[in-house]
Amino acid sequence: MSDRITFNPNQCGGRPCVRGMRIRVKDVLDLLAARVPQAEILEDYPYLEAADIDACLEYAAMDADHPVLLAH
C-alpha cells in the first residue's frame, strides 16, 4: 500500500492520493460507498489499477483503527 497511497502537501491539500495523481483516496472510497462497481471505476478512470482500489480500502481500514478518547 505504501507505494500506492501518497501524500504531498502541495497537492490536494496534502490529503492522501493514489500514486501521486490528483485522485484522492476519498474520491475512490466515495465511489465504492455509492456502490459503483470496481470495473466501472476502472473504466471511468483508466489510469487507476485494481491494486489502487485495494490500497484505498486498506488505507481506510488502517485509518479507522485508532482509539477514541472521551473526556469526562
C-alpha atoms as a PDB file:
ATOM      1  CA  MET A   1       0.000   0.000   0.000  1.00  0.00           C
ATOM      2  CA  SER A   2       2.751   2.471   0.888  1.00  0.00           C
ATOM      3  CA  ASP A   3       3.850   2.909  -2.717  1.00  0.00           C
ATOM      4  CA  ARG A   4       0.276   3.420  -3.932  1.00  0.00           C
ATOM      5  CA  ILE A   5      -1.004   5.910  -1.350  1.00  0.00           C
ATOM      6  CA  THR A   6       0.990   9.137  -1.407  1.00  0.00           C
ATOM      7  CA  PHE A   7       0.976  12.420   0.476  1.00  0.00           C
ATOM      8  CA  ASN A   8       2.113  15.729  -0.964  1.00  0.00           C
ATOM      9  CA  PRO A   9       1.439  18.987   0.906  1.00  0.00           C
ATOM     10  CA  ASN A  10       1.287  20.808  -2.459  1.00  0.00           C
ATOM     11  CA  GLN A  11      -1.334  18.516  -3.958  1.00  0.00           C
ATOM     12  CA  CYS A  12      -4.984  18.112  -2.974  1.00  0.00           C
ATOM     13  CA  GLY A  13      -4.377  19.955   0.285  1.00  0.00           C
ATOM     14  CA  GLY A  14      -1.997  17.246   1.484  1.00  0.00           C
ATOM     15  CA  ARG A  15      -4.756  14.644   1.501  1.00  0.00           C
ATOM     16  CA  PRO A  16      -3.854  11.033   0.666  1.00  0.00           C
ATOM     17  CA  CYS A  17      -3.833  10.415  -3.085  1.00  0.00           C
ATOM     18  CA  VAL A  18      -3.331   7.473  -5.388  1.00  0.00           C
ATOM     19  CA  ARG A  19       0.226   7.118  -6.741  1.00  0.00           C
ATOM     20  CA  GLY A  20       0.889  10.861  -6.806  1.00  0.00           C
ATOM     21  CA  MET A  21      -2.064  11.535  -9.096  1.00  0.00           C
ATOM     22  CA  ARG A  22      -4.767  14.048  -8.342  1.00  0.00           C
ATOM     23  CA  ILE A  23      -7.288  11.427  -7.342  1.00  0.00           C
ATOM     24  CA  ARG A  24      -7.789  11.310  -3.608  1.00  0.00           C
ATOM     25  CA  VAL A  25      -8.318   8.154  -1.605  1.00  0.00           C
ATOM     26  CA  LYS A  26     -11.620   9.726  -0.537  1.00  0.00           C
ATOM     27  CA  ASP A  27     -12.729  10.002  -4.176  1.00  0.00           C
ATOM     28  CA  VAL A  28     -12.258   6.272  -4.663  1.00  0.00           C
ATOM     29  CA  LEU A  29     -13.934   5.468  -1.345  1.00  0.00           C
ATOM     30  CA  ASP A  30     -16.897   7.719  -2.192  1.00  0.00           C
ATOM     31  CA  LEU A  31     -17.391   5.829  -5.457  1.00  0.00           C
ATOM     32  CA  LEU A  32     -17.257   2.489  -3.666  1.00  0.00           C
ATOM     33  CA  ALA A  33     -19.664   3.745  -0.987  1.00  0.00           C
ATOM     34  CA  ALA A  34     -22.064   4.753  -3.764  1.00  0.00           C
ATOM     35  CA  ARG A  35     -21.883   1.107  -4.909  1.00  0.00           C
ATOM     36  CA  VAL A  36     -20.149   1.921  -8.176  1.00  0.00           C
ATOM     37  CA  PRO A  37     -18.699  -1.407  -9.338  1.00  0.00           C
ATOM     38  CA  GLN A  38     -14.912  -1.650  -9.384  1.00  0.00           C
ATOM     39  CA  ALA A  39     -14.991  -2.453 -13.103  1.00  0.00           C
ATOM     40  CA  GLU A  40     -16.872   0.794 -13.784  1.00  0.00           C
ATOM     41  CA  ILE A  41     -14.415   2.819 -11.697  1.00  0.00           C
ATOM     42  CA  LEU A  42     -11.514   1.327 -13.640  1.00  0.00           C
ATOM     43  CA  GLU A  43     -13.293   2.068 -16.912  1.00  0.00           C
ATOM     44  CA  ASP A  44     -14.047   5.679 -15.945  1.00  0.00           C
ATOM     45  CA  TYR A  45     -10.517   6.232 -14.576  1.00  0.00           C
ATOM     46  CA  PRO A  46      -8.265   4.214 -16.922  1.00  0.00           C
ATOM     47  CA  TYR A  47      -5.101   5.335 -15.131  1.00  0.00           C
ATOM     48  CA  LEU A  48      -6.247   3.545 -11.963  1.00  0.00           C
ATOM     49  CA  GLU A  49      -5.424  -0.088 -11.357  1.00  0.00           C
ATOM     50  CA  ALA A  50      -7.322  -2.651  -9.310  1.00  0.00           C
ATOM     51  CA  ALA A  51      -4.453  -2.639  -6.815  1.00  0.00           C
ATOM     52  CA  ASP A  52      -5.020   1.117  -6.322  1.00  0.00           C
ATOM     53  CA  ILE A  53      -8.594   0.469  -5.238  1.00  0.00           C
ATOM     54  CA  ASP A  54      -7.419  -2.271  -2.885  1.00  0.00           C
ATOM     55  CA  ALA A  55      -4.835   0.130  -1.427  1.00  0.00           C
ATOM     56  CA  CYS A  56      -7.548   2.742  -0.807  1.00  0.00           C
ATOM     57  CA  LEU A  57      -9.625   0.204   1.089  1.00  0.00           C
ATOM     58  CA  GLU A  58      -6.592  -0.920   3.088  1.00  0.00           C
ATOM     59  CA  TYR A  59      -5.757   2.701   3.911  1.00  0.00           C
ATOM     60  CA  ALA A  60      -9.324   3.351   5.069  1.00  0.00           C
ATOM     61  CA  ALA A  61      -9.277   0.253   7.275  1.00  0.00           C
ATOM     62  CA  MET A  62      -5.991   1.317   8.875  1.00  0.00           C
ATOM     63  CA  ASP A  63      -7.188   4.915   9.299  1.00  0.00           C
ATOM     64  CA  ALA A  64     -10.358   3.746  11.053  1.00  0.00           C
ATOM     65  CA  ASP A  65      -8.415   1.653  13.574  1.00  0.00           C
ATOM     66  CA  HIS A  66      -7.474   4.162  16.240  1.00  0.00           C
ATOM     67  CA  PRO A  67      -8.556   4.640  19.824  1.00  0.00           C
ATOM     68  CA  VAL A  68     -11.186   7.212  20.666  1.00  0.00           C
ATOM     69  CA  LEU A  69     -10.545   9.063  23.892  1.00  0.00           C
ATOM     70  CA  LEU A  70     -13.527  10.573  25.639  1.00  0.00           C
ATOM     71  CA  ALA A  71     -13.216  13.480  28.051  1.00  0.00           C
ATOM     72  CA  HIS A  72     -15.095  13.088  31.332  1.00  0.00           C
END
